[in-house]
C-alpha atoms as a PDB file:
ATOM      1  CA  MET A   1     -63.524 -15.652   0.576  1.00  0.00           C
ATOM      2  CA  THR A   2     -61.536 -14.857  -2.581  1.00  0.00           C
ATOM      3  CA  THR A   3     -58.272 -16.753  -2.923  1.00  0.00           C
ATOM      4  CA  ALA A   4     -55.140 -16.397  -5.057  1.00  0.00           C
ATOM      5  CA  LEU A   5     -52.271 -18.828  -5.534  1.00  0.00           C
ATOM      6  CA  LEU A   6     -48.749 -17.382  -5.385  1.00  0.00           C
ATOM      7  CA  ILE A   7     -45.994 -19.430  -7.040  1.00  0.00           C
ATOM      8  CA  ILE A   8     -42.727 -17.852  -5.935  1.00  0.00           C
ATOM      9  CA  ASP A   9     -39.441 -18.006  -7.876  1.00  0.00           C
ATOM     10  CA  VAL A  10     -39.790 -21.400  -9.560  1.00  0.00           C
ATOM     11  CA  GLN A  11     -37.102 -20.368 -12.001  1.00  0.00           C
ATOM     12  CA  GLN A  12     -34.538 -22.296 -13.986  1.00  0.00           C
ATOM     13  CA  ALA A  13     -31.508 -21.129 -11.940  1.00  0.00           C
ATOM     14  CA  LEU A  14     -33.060 -22.576  -8.760  1.00  0.00           C
ATOM     15  CA  CYS A  15     -34.232 -25.798 -10.375  1.00  0.00           C
ATOM     16  CA  SER A  16     -31.047 -27.098 -11.979  1.00  0.00           C
ATOM     17  CA  GLY A  17     -27.305 -26.830 -11.664  1.00  0.00           C
ATOM     18  CA  GLU A  18     -25.436 -25.277  -8.766  1.00  0.00           C
ATOM     19  CA  TYR A  19     -28.502 -23.817  -6.999  1.00  0.00           C
ATOM     20  CA  GLU A  20     -30.906 -26.708  -7.569  1.00  0.00           C
ATOM     21  CA  CYS A  21     -33.332 -26.928  -4.663  1.00  0.00           C
ATOM     22  CA  PHE A  22     -34.045 -30.100  -2.684  1.00  0.00           C
ATOM     23  CA  GLU A  23     -36.433 -32.590  -4.344  1.00  0.00           C
ATOM     24  CA  ILE A  24     -37.190 -30.013  -7.029  1.00  0.00           C
ATOM     25  CA  ASN A  25     -38.925 -32.384  -9.450  1.00  0.00           C
ATOM     26  CA  ARG A  26     -41.353 -33.536  -6.742  1.00  0.00           C
ATOM     27  CA  VAL A  27     -41.930 -29.928  -5.660  1.00  0.00           C
ATOM     28  CA  ILE A  28     -42.661 -28.787  -9.234  1.00  0.00           C
ATOM     29  CA  ASN A  29     -45.086 -31.696  -9.717  1.00  0.00           C
ATOM     30  CA  THR A  30     -46.843 -30.775  -6.467  1.00  0.00           C
ATOM     31  CA  ILE A  31     -47.047 -27.121  -7.545  1.00  0.00           C
ATOM     32  CA  ASN A  32     -48.422 -28.177 -10.937  1.00  0.00           C
ATOM     33  CA  ASP A  33     -51.157 -30.226  -9.252  1.00  0.00           C
ATOM     34  CA  LEU A  34     -51.985 -27.303  -6.979  1.00  0.00           C
ATOM     35  CA  SER A  35     -52.060 -24.743  -9.792  1.00  0.00           C
ATOM     36  CA  SER A  36     -54.191 -27.007 -11.975  1.00  0.00           C
ATOM     37  CA  GLN A  37     -56.715 -27.345  -9.162  1.00  0.00           C
ATOM     38  CA  ALA A  38     -56.640 -23.557  -8.634  1.00  0.00           C
ATOM     39  CA  ARG A  39     -57.170 -22.766 -12.318  1.00  0.00           C
ATOM     40  CA  ASN A  40     -60.026 -25.292 -12.552  1.00  0.00           C
ATOM     41  CA  ALA A  41     -61.682 -23.526  -9.604  1.00  0.00           C
ATOM     42  CA  GLY A  42     -61.276 -20.108 -11.270  1.00  0.00           C
ATOM     43  CA  VAL A  43     -58.662 -18.979  -8.743  1.00  0.00           C
ATOM     44  CA  THR A  44     -56.132 -16.316  -9.745  1.00  0.00           C
ATOM     45  CA  VAL A  45     -52.615 -17.746 -10.177  1.00  0.00           C
ATOM     46  CA  VAL A  46     -49.638 -15.401  -9.804  1.00  0.00           C
ATOM     47  CA  LEU A  47     -46.183 -16.374 -11.075  1.00  0.00           C
ATOM     48  CA  ILE A  48     -43.509 -14.401  -9.240  1.00  0.00           C
ATOM     49  CA  GLN A  49     -39.976 -14.123 -10.632  1.00  0.00           C
ATOM     50  CA  HIS A  50     -36.956 -12.833  -8.770  1.00  0.00           C
ATOM     51  CA  GLU A  51     -34.366 -10.880 -10.683  1.00  0.00           C
ATOM     52  CA  GLU A  52     -30.896  -9.706  -9.806  1.00  0.00           C
ATOM     53  CA  ALA A  53     -28.499  -7.976 -12.175  1.00  0.00           C
ATOM     54  CA  ASN A  54     -25.212  -9.705 -12.981  1.00  0.00           C
ATOM     55  CA  SER A  55     -26.395 -13.063 -11.673  1.00  0.00           C
ATOM     56  CA  PRO A  56     -28.028 -16.216 -13.044  1.00  0.00           C
ATOM     57  CA  LEU A  57     -31.331 -14.467 -12.207  1.00  0.00           C
ATOM     58  CA  ALA A  58     -30.686 -11.391 -14.368  1.00  0.00           C
ATOM     59  CA  HIS A  59     -33.874 -10.342 -16.149  1.00  0.00           C
ATOM     60  CA  GLU A  60     -34.415 -12.393 -19.340  1.00  0.00           C
ATOM     61  CA  ALA A  61     -31.335 -14.590 -18.662  1.00  0.00           C
ATOM     62  CA  ALA A  62     -31.768 -18.350 -19.029  1.00  0.00           C
ATOM     63  CA  GLY A  63     -31.779 -18.808 -15.250  1.00  0.00           C
ATOM     64  CA  TRP A  64     -34.459 -16.124 -14.814  1.00  0.00           C
ATOM     65  CA  GLN A  65     -36.946 -18.052 -16.976  1.00  0.00           C
ATOM     66  CA  LEU A  66     -39.630 -20.112 -15.319  1.00  0.00           C
ATOM     67  CA  ALA A  67     -38.492 -23.669 -14.667  1.00  0.00           C
ATOM     68  CA  GLU A  68     -38.837 -26.316 -17.310  1.00  0.00           C
ATOM     69  CA  GLY A  69     -41.794 -28.454 -16.350  1.00  0.00           C
ATOM     70  CA  LEU A  70     -43.646 -25.711 -14.477  1.00  0.00           C
ATOM     71  CA  GLU A  71     -47.112 -25.548 -15.992  1.00  0.00           C
ATOM     72  CA  THR A  72     -48.474 -22.071 -16.694  1.00  0.00           C
ATOM     73  CA  ALA A  73     -51.550 -20.624 -18.377  1.00  0.00           C
ATOM     74  CA  PRO A  74     -52.075 -17.459 -20.435  1.00  0.00           C
ATOM     75  CA  LYS A  75     -54.384 -16.020 -17.746  1.00  0.00           C
ATOM     76  CA  ASP A  76     -51.731 -16.338 -15.011  1.00  0.00           C
ATOM     77  CA  LEU A  77     -50.580 -12.995 -13.650  1.00  0.00           C
ATOM     78  CA  ARG A  78     -46.860 -12.230 -13.470  1.00  0.00           C
ATOM     79  CA  VAL A  79     -44.864 -10.217 -10.976  1.00  0.00           C
ATOM     80  CA  ARG A  80     -41.194  -9.297 -11.128  1.00  0.00           C
ATOM     81  CA  LYS A  81     -39.373  -8.610  -7.872  1.00  0.00           C
ATOM     82  CA  THR A  82     -35.896  -7.645  -6.713  1.00  0.00           C
ATOM     83  CA  THR A  83     -36.126  -8.455  -2.988  1.00  0.00           C
ATOM     84  CA  ARG A  84     -37.175 -11.466  -0.940  1.00  0.00           C
ATOM     85  CA  ASP A  85     -40.580  -9.966  -0.158  1.00  0.00           C
ATOM     86  CA  SER A  86     -42.914 -10.438  -3.125  1.00  0.00           C
ATOM     87  CA  PHE A  87     -44.913  -7.368  -2.058  1.00  0.00           C
ATOM     88  CA  TYR A  88     -42.034  -4.901  -1.645  1.00  0.00           C
ATOM     89  CA  GLN A  89     -41.837  -2.432  -4.544  1.00  0.00           C
ATOM     90  CA  THR A  90     -43.920  -4.681  -6.816  1.00  0.00           C
ATOM     91  CA  ASN A  91     -47.451  -4.501  -8.158  1.00  0.00           C
ATOM     92  CA  LEU A  92     -48.575  -7.610  -6.241  1.00  0.00           C
ATOM     93  CA  GLN A  93     -50.731  -5.768  -3.735  1.00  0.00           C
ATOM     94  CA  LYS A  94     -52.429  -3.872  -6.567  1.00  0.00           C
ATOM     95  CA  LEU A  95     -53.114  -7.143  -8.405  1.00  0.00           C
ATOM     96  CA  LEU A  96     -54.497  -8.721  -5.225  1.00  0.00           C
ATOM     97  CA  PRO A  97     -56.101  -5.898  -3.227  1.00  0.00           C
ATOM     98  CA  LYS A  98     -56.998  -6.896   0.323  1.00  0.00           C
ATOM     99  CA  GLU A  99     -60.568  -5.775  -0.324  1.00  0.00           C
ATOM    100  CA  ASP A 100     -60.915  -8.438  -3.034  1.00  0.00           C
ATOM    101  CA  PHE A 101     -58.509 -11.178  -1.923  1.00  0.00           C
ATOM    102  CA  GLU A 102     -58.643 -12.392   1.648  1.00  0.00           C
ATOM    103  CA  ARG A 103     -56.656 -15.615   1.341  1.00  0.00           C
ATOM    104  CA  LEU A 104     -53.331 -16.441  -0.315  1.00  0.00           C
ATOM    105  CA  VAL A 105     -52.101 -19.953  -0.980  1.00  0.00           C
ATOM    106  CA  ILE A 106     -48.307 -19.823  -1.152  1.00  0.00           C
ATOM    107  CA  CYS A 107     -45.700 -22.195  -2.582  1.00  0.00           C
ATOM    108  CA  GLY A 108     -42.347 -21.976  -4.345  1.00  0.00           C
ATOM    109  CA  LEU A 109     -38.679 -21.248  -3.739  1.00  0.00           C
ATOM    110  CA  GLN A 110     -36.694 -20.707  -1.549  1.00  0.00           C
ATOM    111  CA  THR A 111     -38.192 -21.673   1.797  1.00  0.00           C
ATOM    112  CA  ASP A 112     -35.882 -19.627   4.001  1.00  0.00           C
ATOM    113  CA  TYR A 113     -35.680 -16.576   1.766  1.00  0.00           C
ATOM    114  CA  CYS A 114     -38.454 -15.443  -0.551  1.00  0.00           C
ATOM    115  CA  VAL A 115     -41.170 -17.818   0.636  1.00  0.00           C
ATOM    116  CA  ASN A 116     -40.536 -16.903   4.283  1.00  0.00           C
ATOM    117  CA  ALA A 117     -40.453 -13.149   3.616  1.00  0.00           C
ATOM    118  CA  THR A 118     -43.623 -13.271   1.513  1.00  0.00           C
ATOM    119  CA  VAL A 119     -45.561 -15.397   4.028  1.00  0.00           C
ATOM    120  CA  ARG A 120     -44.716 -13.011   6.855  1.00  0.00           C
ATOM    121  CA  GLN A 121     -45.511  -9.897   4.822  1.00  0.00           C
ATOM    122  CA  ALA A 122     -48.832 -11.356   3.651  1.00  0.00           C
ATOM    123  CA  LEU A 123     -49.836 -11.892   7.276  1.00  0.00           C
ATOM    124  CA  THR A 124     -48.712  -8.371   8.193  1.00  0.00           C
ATOM    125  CA  LEU A 125     -50.817  -6.966   5.353  1.00  0.00           C
ATOM    126  CA  GLY A 126     -53.898  -8.791   6.654  1.00  0.00           C
ATOM    127  CA  TYR A 127     -54.197 -11.746   4.283  1.00  0.00           C
ATOM    128  CA  ASP A 128     -54.973 -15.214   5.603  1.00  0.00           C
ATOM    129  CA  VAL A 129     -52.308 -17.609   4.334  1.00  0.00           C
ATOM    130  CA  VAL A 130     -52.339 -21.267   3.427  1.00  0.00           C
ATOM    131  CA  LEU A 131     -48.821 -22.601   3.020  1.00  0.00           C
ATOM    132  CA  ALA A 132     -48.471 -25.813   1.029  1.00  0.00           C
ATOM    133  CA  ASN A 133     -45.987 -27.525   3.332  1.00  0.00           C
ATOM    134  CA  ASP A 134     -44.808 -29.915   0.615  1.00  0.00           C
ATOM    135  CA  ALA A 135     -44.645 -27.398  -2.243  1.00  0.00           C
ATOM    136  CA  HIS A 136     -41.667 -25.263  -1.250  1.00  0.00           C
ATOM    137  CA  SER A 137     -37.963 -25.997  -1.175  1.00  0.00           C
ATOM    138  CA  THR A 138     -34.466 -24.645  -0.653  1.00  0.00           C
ATOM    139  CA  VAL A 139     -30.804 -25.726  -0.578  1.00  0.00           C
ATOM    140  CA  ASP A 140     -28.486 -26.785   2.233  1.00  0.00           C
ATOM    141  CA  ASN A 141     -27.002 -23.747   3.961  1.00  0.00           C
ATOM    142  CA  GLY A 142     -23.812 -25.201   5.437  1.00  0.00           C
ATOM    143  CA  ASN A 143     -25.344 -25.635   8.890  1.00  0.00           C
ATOM    144  CA  LEU A 144     -28.637 -27.349   8.091  1.00  0.00           C
ATOM    145  CA  THR A 145     -29.809 -29.601   5.309  1.00  0.00           C
ATOM    146  CA  ALA A 146     -32.529 -28.321   3.015  1.00  0.00           C
ATOM    147  CA  GLU A 147     -34.858 -30.954   4.453  1.00  0.00           C
ATOM    148  CA  ASP A 148     -34.256 -29.641   7.995  1.00  0.00           C
ATOM    149  CA  ILE A 149     -34.721 -26.015   6.893  1.00  0.00           C
ATOM    150  CA  ILE A 150     -38.066 -26.897   5.277  1.00  0.00           C
ATOM    151  CA  ALA A 151     -39.262 -28.810   8.350  1.00  0.00           C
ATOM    152  CA  GLU A 152     -38.196 -26.015  10.720  1.00  0.00           C
ATOM    153  CA  HIS A 153     -39.971 -23.335   8.665  1.00  0.00           C
ATOM    154  CA  ASN A 154     -43.153 -25.417   8.403  1.00  0.00           C
ATOM    155  CA  LYS A 155     -43.127 -25.742  12.203  1.00  0.00           C
ATOM    156  CA  ASP A 156     -42.416 -22.027  12.767  1.00  0.00           C
ATOM    157  CA  TRP A 157     -45.057 -20.826  10.281  1.00  0.00           C
ATOM    158  CA  ALA A 158     -47.717 -22.967  11.969  1.00  0.00           C
ATOM    159  CA  HIS A 159     -47.342 -20.733  15.049  1.00  0.00           C
ATOM    160  CA  LEU A 160     -47.681 -17.366  13.276  1.00  0.00           C
ATOM    161  CA  THR A 161     -51.481 -17.107  13.442  1.00  0.00           C
ATOM    162  CA  GLY A 162     -52.452 -13.833  15.068  1.00  0.00           C
ATOM    163  CA  SER A 163     -55.600 -12.107  16.245  1.00  0.00           C
ATOM    164  CA  VAL A 164     -56.471 -10.758  12.783  1.00  0.00           C
ATOM    165  CA  THR A 165     -54.924 -13.200  10.311  1.00  0.00           C
ATOM    166  CA  ARG A 166     -54.247 -16.885  10.271  1.00  0.00           C
ATOM    167  CA  ILE A 167     -51.892 -19.321   8.603  1.00  0.00           C
ATOM    168  CA  ASP A 168     -52.571 -22.951   7.859  1.00  0.00           C
ATOM    169  CA  VAL A 169     -49.572 -25.110   7.020  1.00  0.00           C
ATOM    170  CA  ILE A 170     -50.922 -28.197   5.275  1.00  0.00           C
ATOM    171  CA  PRO A 171     -50.098 -30.605   2.433  1.00  0.00           C
ATOM    172  CA  ALA A 172     -51.009 -29.372  -1.043  1.00  0.00           C
ATOM    173  CA  LYS A 173     -53.457 -32.270  -1.533  1.00  0.00           C
ATOM    174  CA  ASP A 174     -55.534 -30.977   1.415  1.00  0.00           C
ATOM    175  CA  ILE A 175     -55.866 -27.404   0.107  1.00  0.00           C
ATOM    176  CA  GLN A 176     -59.368 -26.545  -1.021  1.00  0.00           C
ATOM    177  CA  PHE A 177     -60.070 -23.738  -3.495  1.00  0.00           C
END
């Protein structure tokens, strides 16, 4: 089974300042450990960056850049997106055709937006998904704390397995490549 690792939106604007996600330094360290393991196993790593005009995430703006401390490699693939779903109107599905990639390991930002949309779309497209339950984060939303949002999504995702695809929601240290 061919696997790819998707690292979603770990960008400067979401890792510092006003929009800094919960426990971001721990999350980045966990993602770095996961991506190092993936690269050592010869697994494709895809860095996905959200962009939105006239915002801190405007293409090439300081906030659009990958987060300081996020480890990357020259062989990593890159995808730019303008919606929550990393597949919608991007080249991601062409980079990871279902015929060649059956399993996606997913981590990144933000839990309740881009990570959620991408997890659900990956399942719809027929990929098996492994979600690193300790390698995604978000911010408080006014009703729930970021910690509660993360816990609720981990619980919800664990019940999404269907008749054709499956999702495993497990700690990054337990993910095997």
